[in-house]
PDB file of N, CA and C in Angstrom:
ATOM      1  N   MET A   1       0.850  -1.172   0.000  1.00  0.00           N
ATOM      2  CA  MET A   1       0.000   0.000   0.000  1.00  0.00           C
ATOM      3  C   MET A   1       0.896   1.235   0.000  1.00  0.00           C
ATOM      4  N   TRP A   2       0.418   2.286  -0.630  1.00  0.00           N
ATOM      5  CA  TRP A   2       1.226   3.492  -0.732  1.00  0.00           C
ATOM      6  C   TRP A   2       0.368   4.745  -0.659  1.00  0.00           C
ATOM      7  N   LEU A   3       1.036   5.864  -0.373  1.00  0.00           N
ATOM      8  CA  LEU A   3       0.422   7.180  -0.401  1.00  0.00           C
ATOM      9  C   LEU A   3       1.433   8.124  -1.029  1.00  0.00           C
ATOM     10  N   LYS A   4       1.061   8.745  -2.134  1.00  0.00           N
ATOM     11  CA  LYS A   4       1.908   9.766  -2.752  1.00  0.00           C
ATOM     12  C   LYS A   4       1.520  11.103  -2.134  1.00  0.00           C
ATOM     13  N   THR A   5       2.520  11.819  -1.611  1.00  0.00           N
ATOM     14  CA  THR A   5       2.245  13.059  -0.893  1.00  0.00           C
ATOM     15  C   THR A   5       3.379  14.071  -1.070  1.00  0.00           C
ATOM     16  N   PRO A   6       3.050  15.363  -1.106  1.00  0.00           N
ATOM     17  CA  PRO A   6       4.100  16.383  -1.153  1.00  0.00           C
ATOM     18  C   PRO A   6       4.767  16.590   0.211  1.00  0.00           C
ATOM     19  N   LEU A   7       4.338  15.838   1.227  1.00  0.00           N
ATOM     20  CA  LEU A   7       4.889  15.993   2.576  1.00  0.00           C
ATOM     21  C   LEU A   7       6.243  15.321   2.760  1.00  0.00           C
ATOM     22  N   VAL A   8       6.646  14.455   1.820  1.00  0.00           N
ATOM     23  CA  VAL A   8       7.949  13.790   1.932  1.00  0.00           C
ATOM     24  C   VAL A   8       8.793  14.095   0.700  1.00  0.00           C
ATOM     25  N   LYS A   9      10.100  14.090   0.884  1.00  0.00           N
ATOM     26  CA  LYS A   9      11.033  14.350  -0.220  1.00  0.00           C
ATOM     27  C   LYS A   9      11.632  13.069  -0.775  1.00  0.00           C
ATOM     28  N   ALA A  10      11.549  11.974  -0.011  1.00  0.00           N
ATOM     29  CA  ALA A  10      12.103  10.686  -0.434  1.00  0.00           C
ATOM     30  C   ALA A  10      11.185   9.574   0.067  1.00  0.00           C
ATOM     31  N   ARG A  11      11.276   8.441  -0.581  1.00  0.00           N
ATOM     32  CA  ARG A  11      10.476   7.269  -0.201  1.00  0.00           C
ATOM     33  C   ARG A  11      10.776   6.896   1.250  1.00  0.00           C
ATOM     34  N   THR A  12       9.729   6.686   2.029  1.00  0.00           N
ATOM     35  CA  THR A  12       9.886   6.313   3.436  1.00  0.00           C
ATOM     36  C   THR A  12       8.659   5.540   3.903  1.00  0.00           C
ATOM     37  N   ASN A  13       8.803   4.812   4.983  1.00  0.00           N
ATOM     38  CA  ASN A  13       7.665   4.100   5.557  1.00  0.00           C
ATOM     39  C   ASN A  13       6.841   5.064   6.388  1.00  0.00           C
ATOM     40  N   GLY A  14       5.536   4.810   6.442  1.00  0.00           N
ATOM     41  CA  GLY A  14       4.671   5.688   7.208  1.00  0.00           C
ATOM     42  C   GLY A  14       3.391   5.013   7.639  1.00  0.00           C
ATOM     43  N   ARG A  15       2.579   5.817   8.302  1.00  0.00           N
ATOM     44  CA  ARG A  15       1.278   5.358   8.786  1.00  0.00           C
ATOM     45  C   ARG A  15       0.263   6.430   8.440  1.00  0.00           C
ATOM     46  N   VAL A  16      -0.908   5.998   7.997  1.00  0.00           N
ATOM     47  CA  VAL A  16      -1.984   6.914   7.641  1.00  0.00           C
ATOM     48  C   VAL A  16      -3.183   6.588   8.523  1.00  0.00           C
ATOM     49  N   VAL A  17      -3.836   7.618   9.047  1.00  0.00           N
ATOM     50  CA  VAL A  17      -4.996   7.446   9.919  1.00  0.00           C
ATOM     51  C   VAL A  17      -6.184   8.182   9.315  1.00  0.00           C
ATOM     52  N   ASN A  18      -7.335   7.507   9.286  1.00  0.00           N
ATOM     53  CA  ASN A  18      -8.585   8.145   8.885  1.00  0.00           C
ATOM     54  C   ASN A  18      -9.330   8.484  10.172  1.00  0.00           C
ATOM     55  N   PRO A  19      -9.332   9.755  10.609  1.00  0.00           N
ATOM     56  CA  PRO A  19      -9.976  10.118  11.872  1.00  0.00           C
ATOM     57  C   PRO A  19     -11.475   9.820  11.883  1.00  0.00           C
ATOM     58  N   GLU A  20     -12.088   9.819  10.717  1.00  0.00           N
ATOM     59  CA  GLU A  20     -13.531   9.568  10.628  1.00  0.00           C
ATOM     60  C   GLU A  20     -13.879   8.131  11.015  1.00  0.00           C
ATOM     61  N   THR A  21     -13.038   7.175  10.606  1.00  0.00           N
ATOM     62  CA  THR A  21     -13.312   5.765  10.895  1.00  0.00           C
ATOM     63  C   THR A  21     -12.440   5.225  12.018  1.00  0.00           C
ATOM     64  N   GLY A  22     -11.342   5.921  12.333  1.00  0.00           N
ATOM     65  CA  GLY A  22     -10.404   5.444  13.340  1.00  0.00           C
ATOM     66  C   GLY A  22      -9.465   4.368  12.825  1.00  0.00           C
ATOM     67  N   LYS A  23      -9.567   4.018  11.547  1.00  0.00           N
ATOM     68  CA  LYS A  23      -8.724   2.961  10.983  1.00  0.00           C
ATOM     69  C   LYS A  23      -7.382   3.525  10.538  1.00  0.00           C
ATOM     70  N   THR A  24      -6.353   2.660  10.607  1.00  0.00           N
ATOM     71  CA  THR A  24      -5.006   3.053  10.210  1.00  0.00           C
ATOM     72  C   THR A  24      -4.458   2.074   9.183  1.00  0.00           C
ATOM     73  N   ALA A  25      -3.437   2.510   8.469  1.00  0.00           N
ATOM     74  CA  ALA A  25      -2.772   1.651   7.491  1.00  0.00           C
ATOM     75  C   ALA A  25      -1.287   1.966   7.492  1.00  0.00           C
ATOM     76  N   GLN A  26      -0.471   0.917   7.457  1.00  0.00           N
ATOM     77  CA  GLN A  26       0.970   1.068   7.273  1.00  0.00           C
ATOM     78  C   GLN A  26       1.199   1.188   5.768  1.00  0.00           C
ATOM     79  N   VAL A  27       1.893   2.218   5.341  1.00  0.00           N
ATOM     80  CA  VAL A  27       2.067   2.481   3.914  1.00  0.00           C
ATOM     81  C   VAL A  27       3.509   2.869   3.608  1.00  0.00           C
ATOM     82  N   VAL A  28       3.820   2.880   2.332  1.00  0.00           N
ATOM     83  CA  VAL A  28       5.049   3.484   1.835  1.00  0.00           C
ATOM     84  C   VAL A  28       4.668   4.887   1.384  1.00  0.00           C
ATOM     85  N   LEU A  29       5.347   5.889   1.919  1.00  0.00           N
ATOM     86  CA  LEU A  29       5.114   7.273   1.515  1.00  0.00           C
ATOM     87  C   LEU A  29       6.040   7.595   0.351  1.00  0.00           C
ATOM     88  N   LEU A  30       5.453   8.074  -0.727  1.00  0.00           N
ATOM     89  CA  LEU A  30       6.206   8.407  -1.935  1.00  0.00           C
ATOM     90  C   LEU A  30       6.085   9.899  -2.207  1.00  0.00           C
ATOM     91  N   PRO A  31       7.169  10.546  -2.634  1.00  0.00           N
ATOM     92  CA  PRO A  31       7.096  11.979  -2.913  1.00  0.00           C
ATOM     93  C   PRO A  31       6.193  12.285  -4.107  1.00  0.00           C
ATOM     94  N   LEU A  32       5.429  13.359  -3.975  1.00  0.00           N
ATOM     95  CA  LEU A  32       4.573  13.866  -5.049  1.00  0.00           C
ATOM     96  C   LEU A  32       5.013  15.300  -5.291  1.00  0.00           C
ATOM     97  N   SER A  33       5.517  15.578  -6.467  1.00  0.00           N
ATOM     98  CA  SER A  33       6.150  16.870  -6.726  1.00  0.00           C
ATOM     99  C   SER A  33       5.175  18.031  -6.853  1.00  0.00           C
ATOM    100  N   SER A  34       3.927  17.776  -7.165  1.00  0.00           N
ATOM    101  CA  SER A  34       2.978  18.875  -7.352  1.00  0.00           C
ATOM    102  C   SER A  34       2.352  19.256  -6.014  1.00  0.00           C
ATOM    103  N   GLY A  35       3.010  20.156  -5.292  1.00  0.00           N
ATOM    104  CA  GLY A  35       2.528  20.592  -3.994  1.00  0.00           C
ATOM    105  C   GLY A  35       1.181  21.290  -4.081  1.00  0.00           C
ATOM    106  N   GLY A  36       0.406  21.210  -3.016  1.00  0.00           N
ATOM    107  CA  GLY A  36      -0.898  21.851  -2.982  1.00  0.00           C
ATOM    108  C   GLY A  36      -1.989  21.071  -3.672  1.00  0.00           C
ATOM    109  N   SER A  37      -1.634  19.909  -4.212  1.00  0.00           N
ATOM    110  CA  SER A  37      -2.634  19.132  -4.944  1.00  0.00           C
ATOM    111  C   SER A  37      -3.210  18.005  -4.107  1.00  0.00           C
ATOM    112  N   GLY A  38      -2.887  17.962  -2.822  1.00  0.00           N
ATOM    113  CA  GLY A  38      -3.356  16.860  -1.994  1.00  0.00           C
ATOM    114  C   GLY A  38      -2.491  15.643  -2.205  1.00  0.00           C
ATOM    115  N   SER A  39      -2.998  14.491  -1.800  1.00  0.00           N
ATOM    116  CA  SER A  39      -2.248  13.243  -1.903  1.00  0.00           C
ATOM    117  C   SER A  39      -3.024  12.233  -2.724  1.00  0.00           C
ATOM    118  N   GLN A  40      -2.326  11.202  -3.160  1.00  0.00           N
ATOM    119  CA  GLN A  40      -2.936  10.119  -3.935  1.00  0.00           C
ATOM    120  C   GLN A  40      -2.701   8.820  -3.189  1.00  0.00           C
ATOM    121  N   ALA A  41      -3.780   8.050  -2.955  1.00  0.00           N
ATOM    122  CA  ALA A  41      -3.686   6.806  -2.193  1.00  0.00           C
ATOM    123  C   ALA A  41      -3.998   5.613  -3.081  1.00  0.00           C
ATOM    124  N   SER A  42      -3.319   4.504  -2.806  1.00  0.00           N
ATOM    125  CA  SER A  42      -3.596   3.265  -3.532  1.00  0.00           C
ATOM    126  C   SER A  42      -4.961   2.719  -3.117  1.00  0.00           C
ATOM    127  N   LEU A  43      -5.515   1.858  -3.948  1.00  0.00           N
ATOM    128  CA  LEU A  43      -6.797   1.226  -3.665  1.00  0.00           C
ATOM    129  C   LEU A  43      -6.744   0.492  -2.326  1.00  0.00           C
ATOM    130  N   GLY A  44      -5.661  -0.238  -2.086  1.00  0.00           N
ATOM    131  CA  GLY A  44      -5.506  -0.961  -0.829  1.00  0.00           C
ATOM    132  C   GLY A  44      -5.505  -0.043   0.380  1.00  0.00           C
ATOM    133  N   THR A  45      -4.878   1.119   0.241  1.00  0.00           N
ATOM    134  CA  THR A  45      -4.856   2.090   1.335  1.00  0.00           C
ATOM    135  C   THR A  45      -6.260   2.595   1.625  1.00  0.00           C
ATOM    136  N   MET A  46      -6.996   2.949   0.583  1.00  0.00           N
ATOM    137  CA  MET A  46      -8.369   3.434   0.759  1.00  0.00           C
ATOM    138  C   MET A  46      -9.232   2.381   1.450  1.00  0.00           C
ATOM    139  N   GLN A  47      -9.092   1.127   1.032  1.00  0.00           N
ATOM    140  CA  GLN A  47      -9.885   0.052   1.629  1.00  0.00           C
ATOM    141  C   GLN A  47      -9.505  -0.158   3.091  1.00  0.00           C
ATOM    142  N   ALA A  48      -8.207  -0.138   3.399  1.00  0.00           N
ATOM    143  CA  ALA A  48      -7.753  -0.339   4.774  1.00  0.00           C
ATOM    144  C   ALA A  48      -8.249   0.772   5.699  1.00  0.00           C
ATOM    145  N   LEU A  49      -8.414   1.972   5.155  1.00  0.00           N
ATOM    146  CA  LEU A  49      -8.883   3.105   5.948  1.00  0.00           C
ATOM    147  C   LEU A  49     -10.400   3.145   6.078  1.00  0.00           C
ATOM    148  N   GLY A  50     -11.083   2.232   5.397  1.00  0.00           N
ATOM    149  CA  GLY A  50     -12.541   2.188   5.473  1.00  0.00           C
ATOM    150  C   GLY A  50     -13.212   3.310   4.718  1.00  0.00           C
ATOM    151  N   ALA A  51     -12.534   3.848   3.713  1.00  0.00           N
ATOM    152  CA  ALA A  51     -13.086   4.947   2.922  1.00  0.00           C
ATOM    153  C   ALA A  51     -13.729   4.403   1.650  1.00  0.00           C
ATOM    154  N   ASP A  52     -14.855   4.990   1.260  1.00  0.00           N
ATOM    155  CA  ASP A  52     -15.448   4.649  -0.025  1.00  0.00           C
ATOM    156  C   ASP A  52     -14.523   5.148  -1.125  1.00  0.00           C
ATOM    157  N   LEU A  53     -14.509   4.434  -2.223  1.00  0.00           N
ATOM    158  CA  LEU A  53     -13.591   4.791  -3.309  1.00  0.00           C
ATOM    159  C   LEU A  53     -13.921   6.133  -3.945  1.00  0.00           C
ATOM    160  N   THR A  54     -15.146   6.612  -3.763  1.00  0.00           N
ATOM    161  CA  THR A  54     -15.521   7.912  -4.321  1.00  0.00           C
ATOM    162  C   THR A  54     -15.348   9.039  -3.307  1.00  0.00           C
ATOM    163  N   ASP A  55     -14.952   8.699  -2.074  1.00  0.00           N
ATOM    164  CA  ASP A  55     -14.724   9.713  -1.037  1.00  0.00           C
ATOM    165  C   ASP A  55     -13.388  10.422  -1.248  1.00  0.00           C
ATOM    166  N   LEU A  56     -13.290  11.596  -0.689  1.00  0.00           N
ATOM    167  CA  LEU A  56     -12.025  12.333  -0.610  1.00  0.00           C
ATOM    168  C   LEU A  56     -11.750  12.584   0.872  1.00  0.00           C
ATOM    169  N   PRO A  57     -11.361  11.525   1.602  1.00  0.00           N
ATOM    170  CA  PRO A  57     -11.205  11.670   3.054  1.00  0.00           C
ATOM    171  C   PRO A  57      -9.981  12.500   3.429  1.00  0.00           C
ATOM    172  N   GLU A  58     -10.106  13.235   4.523  1.00  0.00           N
ATOM    173  CA  GLU A  58      -8.945  13.910   5.100  1.00  0.00           C
ATOM    174  C   GLU A  58      -8.285  12.915   6.032  1.00  0.00           C
ATOM    175  N   VAL A  59      -6.989  12.712   5.863  1.00  0.00           N
ATOM    176  CA  VAL A  59      -6.270  11.728   6.665  1.00  0.00           C
ATOM    177  C   VAL A  59      -5.082  12.387   7.356  1.00  0.00           C
ATOM    178  N   GLU A  60      -4.606  11.725   8.401  1.00  0.00           N
ATOM    179  CA  GLU A  60      -3.399  12.158   9.096  1.00  0.00           C
ATOM    180  C   GLU A  60      -2.257  11.270   8.631  1.00  0.00           C
ATOM    181  N   VAL A  61      -1.114  11.873   8.328  1.00  0.00           N
ATOM    182  CA  VAL A  61       0.030  11.151   7.772  1.00  0.00           C
ATOM    183  C   VAL A  61       1.208  11.261   8.737  1.00  0.00           C
ATOM    184  N   PHE A  62       1.826  10.110   9.020  1.00  0.00           N
ATOM    185  CA  PHE A  62       2.973  10.061   9.923  1.00  0.00           C
ATOM    186  C   PHE A  62       4.105   9.296   9.259  1.00  0.00           C
ATOM    187  N   ALA A  63       5.303   9.851   9.275  1.00  0.00           N
ATOM    188  CA  ALA A  63       6.487   9.119   8.810  1.00  0.00           C
ATOM    189  C   ALA A  63       6.991   8.280   9.974  1.00  0.00           C
ATOM    190  N   LEU A  64       7.477   7.079   9.671  1.00  0.00           N
ATOM    191  CA  LEU A  64       8.000   6.203  10.724  1.00  0.00           C
ATOM    192  C   LEU A  64       9.512   6.235  10.741  1.00  0.00           C
TER     193      LEU A  64
END
Protein backbone atom coordinates (compact mmCIF):
# COMPACT_ATOMS: atom_id res chain seq x y z
CA MET A 1 0.00 0.00 0.00
CA TRP A 2 1.23 3.49 -0.73
CA LEU A 3 0.42 7.18 -0.40
CA LYS A 4 1.91 9.77 -2.75
CA THR A 5 2.25 13.06 -0.89
CA PRO A 6 4.10 16.38 -1.15
CA LEU A 7 4.89 15.99 2.58
CA VAL A 8 7.95 13.79 1.93
CA LYS A 9 11.03 14.35 -0.22
CA ALA A 10 12.10 10.69 -0.43
CA ARG A 11 10.48 7.27 -0.20
CA THR A 12 9.89 6.31 3.44
CA ASN A 13 7.66 4.10 5.56
CA GLY A 14 4.67 5.69 7.21
CA ARG A 15 1.28 5.36 8.79
CA VAL A 16 -1.98 6.91 7.64
CA VAL A 17 -5.00 7.45 9.92
CA ASN A 18 -8.58 8.15 8.88
CA PRO A 19 -9.98 10.12 11.87
CA GLU A 20 -13.53 9.57 10.63
CA THR A 21 -13.31 5.77 10.89
CA GLY A 22 -10.40 5.44 13.34
CA LYS A 23 -8.72 2.96 10.98
CA THR A 24 -5.01 3.05 10.21
CA ALA A 25 -2.77 1.65 7.49
CA GLN A 26 0.97 1.07 7.27
CA VAL A 27 2.07 2.48 3.91
CA VAL A 28 5.05 3.48 1.83
CA LEU A 29 5.11 7.27 1.51
CA LEU A 30 6.21 8.41 -1.93
CA PRO A 31 7.10 11.98 -2.91
CA LEU A 32 4.57 13.87 -5.05
CA SER A 33 6.15 16.87 -6.73
CA SER A 34 2.98 18.87 -7.35
CA GLY A 35 2.53 20.59 -3.99
CA GLY A 36 -0.90 21.85 -2.98
CA SER A 37 -2.63 19.13 -4.94
CA GLY A 38 -3.36 16.86 -1.99
CA SER A 39 -2.25 13.24 -1.90
CA GLN A 40 -2.94 10.12 -3.93
CA ALA A 41 -3.69 6.81 -2.19
CA SER A 42 -3.60 3.26 -3.53
CA LEU A 43 -6.80 1.23 -3.67
CA GLY A 44 -5.51 -0.96 -0.83
CA THR A 45 -4.86 2.09 1.33
CA MET A 46 -8.37 3.43 0.76
CA GLN A 47 -9.88 0.05 1.63
CA ALA A 48 -7.75 -0.34 4.77
CA LEU A 49 -8.88 3.11 5.95
CA GLY A 50 -12.54 2.19 5.47
CA ALA A 51 -13.09 4.95 2.92
CA ASP A 52 -15.45 4.65 -0.02
CA LEU A 53 -13.59 4.79 -3.31
CA THR A 54 -15.52 7.91 -4.32
CA ASP A 55 -14.72 9.71 -1.04
CA LEU A 56 -12.03 12.33 -0.61
CA PRO A 57 -11.21 11.67 3.05
CA GLU A 58 -8.95 13.91 5.10
CA VAL A 59 -6.27 11.73 6.66
CA GLU A 60 -3.40 12.16 9.10
CA VAL A 61 0.03 11.15 7.77
CA PHE A 62 2.97 10.06 9.92
CA ALA A 63 6.49 9.12 8.81
CA LEU A 64 8.00 6.20 10.72
